[in-house]
Amino acid sequence: MSIDNHNQVTILRQHEVLRRMGYRKSTLYNRIKERCFPPPVSLGGKSVGWVDYEIEQTLTSLLAGQSKKELQTLVADMLAYRQTKFSNSVTRKLGGI
């Protein structure tokens, strides 16, 4: 998987993800449950959103005909990247706390 250097993150709300993917809400959450689609991030309270470049990579992989196993690997890699990138960014911004 190739994840470019994303210095600015755009968060997409559910209606935009559904529109881009052509999914219904139930299909979206089934794909997340199957680990074939990246889960949302919490925005606080009951609000969630999706990282735009993760959605784009998933769509590109689907268009390329990747298998379920390949999609699951992609999602796992994206989540690992998300964890590393953002936990390091928060630590740096908080001065190493």
C-alpha atoms as a PDB file:
ATOM      1  CA  MET A   1       0.000   0.000   0.000  1.00  0.00           C
ATOM      2  CA  SER A   2       1.238   3.456  -0.768  1.00  0.00           C
ATOM      3  CA  ILE A   3       0.129   6.199   1.550  1.00  0.00           C
ATOM      4  CA  ASP A   4       1.335   9.609   0.477  1.00  0.00           C
ATOM      5  CA  ASN A   5       2.433  12.234   2.951  1.00  0.00           C
ATOM      6  CA  HIS A   6      -0.858  13.790   4.047  1.00  0.00           C
ATOM      7  CA  ASN A   7      -0.162  17.053   5.832  1.00  0.00           C
ATOM      8  CA  GLN A   8      -3.753  18.211   5.760  1.00  0.00           C
ATOM      9  CA  VAL A   9      -6.566  15.858   6.620  1.00  0.00           C
ATOM     10  CA  THR A  10     -10.109  16.367   5.409  1.00  0.00           C
ATOM     11  CA  ILE A  11     -12.884  14.613   7.270  1.00  0.00           C
ATOM     12  CA  LEU A  12     -15.896  13.437   5.306  1.00  0.00           C
ATOM     13  CA  ARG A  13     -19.271  13.057   6.905  1.00  0.00           C
ATOM     14  CA  GLN A  14     -21.392   9.958   6.358  1.00  0.00           C
ATOM     15  CA  HIS A  15     -23.601  11.399   3.601  1.00  0.00           C
ATOM     16  CA  GLU A  16     -20.513  12.262   1.530  1.00  0.00           C
ATOM     17  CA  VAL A  17     -18.971   8.798   2.022  1.00  0.00           C
ATOM     18  CA  LEU A  18     -22.249   7.147   0.998  1.00  0.00           C
ATOM     19  CA  ARG A  19     -22.462   9.381  -2.080  1.00  0.00           C
ATOM     20  CA  ARG A  20     -18.864   8.727  -3.157  1.00  0.00           C
ATOM     21  CA  MET A  21     -19.075   4.987  -2.650  1.00  0.00           C
ATOM     22  CA  GLY A  22     -22.623   4.494  -3.923  1.00  0.00           C
ATOM     23  CA  TYR A  23     -23.419   2.546  -0.747  1.00  0.00           C
ATOM     24  CA  ARG A  24     -26.459   2.490   1.469  1.00  0.00           C
ATOM     25  CA  LYS A  25     -25.835   2.976   5.184  1.00  0.00           C
ATOM     26  CA  SER A  26     -26.286  -0.732   5.955  1.00  0.00           C
ATOM     27  CA  THR A  27     -23.761  -1.712   3.260  1.00  0.00           C
ATOM     28  CA  LEU A  28     -21.234   0.786   4.612  1.00  0.00           C
ATOM     29  CA  TYR A  29     -21.429  -0.635   8.123  1.00  0.00           C
ATOM     30  CA  ASN A  30     -21.365  -4.230   6.838  1.00  0.00           C
ATOM     31  CA  ARG A  31     -18.120  -3.446   4.962  1.00  0.00           C
ATOM     32  CA  ILE A  32     -16.659  -1.909   8.131  1.00  0.00           C
ATOM     33  CA  LYS A  33     -17.687  -4.984  10.136  1.00  0.00           C
ATOM     34  CA  GLU A  34     -15.993  -7.215   7.517  1.00  0.00           C
ATOM     35  CA  ARG A  35     -12.864  -5.015   7.823  1.00  0.00           C
ATOM     36  CA  CYS A  36     -13.090  -4.179   4.122  1.00  0.00           C
ATOM     37  CA  PHE A  37     -13.700  -0.479   4.724  1.00  0.00           C
ATOM     38  CA  PRO A  38     -11.988   1.942   7.109  1.00  0.00           C
ATOM     39  CA  PRO A  39     -13.981   2.736  10.249  1.00  0.00           C
ATOM     40  CA  PRO A  40     -14.921   6.303  11.089  1.00  0.00           C
ATOM     41  CA  VAL A  41     -13.077   8.491  13.554  1.00  0.00           C
ATOM     42  CA  SER A  42     -14.845  10.058  16.504  1.00  0.00           C
ATOM     43  CA  LEU A  43     -15.320  13.809  16.223  1.00  0.00           C
ATOM     44  CA  GLY A  44     -16.725  14.118  19.734  1.00  0.00           C
ATOM     45  CA  GLY A  45     -20.115  13.315  21.141  1.00  0.00           C
ATOM     46  CA  LYS A  46     -22.027  11.192  18.655  1.00  0.00           C
ATOM     47  CA  SER A  47     -20.335  12.730  15.612  1.00  0.00           C
ATOM     48  CA  VAL A  48     -18.100  10.648  13.358  1.00  0.00           C
ATOM     49  CA  GLY A  49     -16.339  11.180  10.063  1.00  0.00           C
ATOM     50  CA  TRP A  50     -14.026   9.401   7.647  1.00  0.00           C
ATOM     51  CA  VAL A  51     -10.526  10.371   6.542  1.00  0.00           C
ATOM     52  CA  ASP A  52     -10.795  11.458   2.915  1.00  0.00           C
ATOM     53  CA  TYR A  53      -7.624   9.829   1.588  1.00  0.00           C
ATOM     54  CA  GLU A  54      -8.597   6.498   3.192  1.00  0.00           C
ATOM     55  CA  ILE A  55     -11.898   6.594   1.304  1.00  0.00           C
ATOM     56  CA  GLU A  56     -10.113   7.448  -1.944  1.00  0.00           C
ATOM     57  CA  GLN A  57      -7.651   4.577  -1.510  1.00  0.00           C
ATOM     58  CA  THR A  58     -10.468   2.156  -0.755  1.00  0.00           C
ATOM     59  CA  LEU A  59     -12.402   3.260  -3.828  1.00  0.00           C
ATOM     60  CA  THR A  60      -9.287   2.959  -6.003  1.00  0.00           C
ATOM     61  CA  SER A  61      -8.681  -0.563  -4.674  1.00  0.00           C
ATOM     62  CA  LEU A  62     -12.260  -1.585  -5.399  1.00  0.00           C
ATOM     63  CA  LEU A  63     -11.998  -0.212  -8.931  1.00  0.00           C
ATOM     64  CA  ALA A  64      -8.769  -2.194  -9.386  1.00  0.00           C
ATOM     65  CA  GLY A  65     -10.658  -5.371  -8.514  1.00  0.00           C
ATOM     66  CA  GLN A  66      -8.828  -6.193  -5.315  1.00  0.00           C
ATOM     67  CA  SER A  67     -10.048  -9.224  -3.378  1.00  0.00           C
ATOM     68  CA  LYS A  68     -11.679  -9.162   0.041  1.00  0.00           C
ATOM     69  CA  LYS A  69      -8.386 -10.271   1.609  1.00  0.00           C
ATOM     70  CA  GLU A  70      -6.498  -7.485  -0.176  1.00  0.00           C
ATOM     71  CA  LEU A  71      -9.050  -4.929   1.018  1.00  0.00           C
ATOM     72  CA  GLN A  72      -8.718  -6.220   4.585  1.00  0.00           C
ATOM     73  CA  THR A  73      -4.944  -5.845   4.364  1.00  0.00           C
ATOM     74  CA  LEU A  74      -5.345  -2.322   2.979  1.00  0.00           C
ATOM     75  CA  VAL A  75      -7.682  -1.343   5.818  1.00  0.00           C
ATOM     76  CA  ALA A  76      -5.349  -2.845   8.438  1.00  0.00           C
ATOM     77  CA  ASP A  77      -2.431  -0.889   6.942  1.00  0.00           C
ATOM     78  CA  MET A  78      -4.457   2.330   6.903  1.00  0.00           C
ATOM     79  CA  LEU A  79      -5.420   1.901  10.553  1.00  0.00           C
ATOM     80  CA  ALA A  80      -1.809   1.241  11.552  1.00  0.00           C
ATOM     81  CA  TYR A  81      -0.733   4.354   9.634  1.00  0.00           C
ATOM     82  CA  ARG A  82      -3.534   6.389  11.224  1.00  0.00           C
ATOM     83  CA  GLN A  83      -2.467   5.250  14.690  1.00  0.00           C
ATOM     84  CA  THR A  84       1.213   6.019  14.114  1.00  0.00           C
ATOM     85  CA  LYS A  85       0.793   9.325  12.302  1.00  0.00           C
ATOM     86  CA  PHE A  86      -1.737  10.889  14.592  1.00  0.00           C
ATOM     87  CA  SER A  87      -0.457   9.604  17.922  1.00  0.00           C
ATOM     88  CA  ASN A  88       3.006  10.995  17.012  1.00  0.00           C
ATOM     89  CA  SER A  89       1.491  14.307  15.847  1.00  0.00           C
ATOM     90  CA  VAL A  90      -0.446  14.770  19.085  1.00  0.00           C
ATOM     91  CA  THR A  91       2.614  13.968  21.189  1.00  0.00           C
ATOM     92  CA  ARG A  92       4.723  16.524  19.277  1.00  0.00           C
ATOM     93  CA  LYS A  93       2.046  19.221  19.560  1.00  0.00           C
ATOM     94  CA  LEU A  94       1.690  18.633  23.293  1.00  0.00           C
ATOM     95  CA  GLY A  95       5.422  18.914  23.783  1.00  0.00           C
ATOM     96  CA  GLY A  96       6.121  15.237  24.419  1.00  0.00           C
ATOM     97  CA  ILE A  97       3.649  14.820  27.279  1.00  0.00           C
END
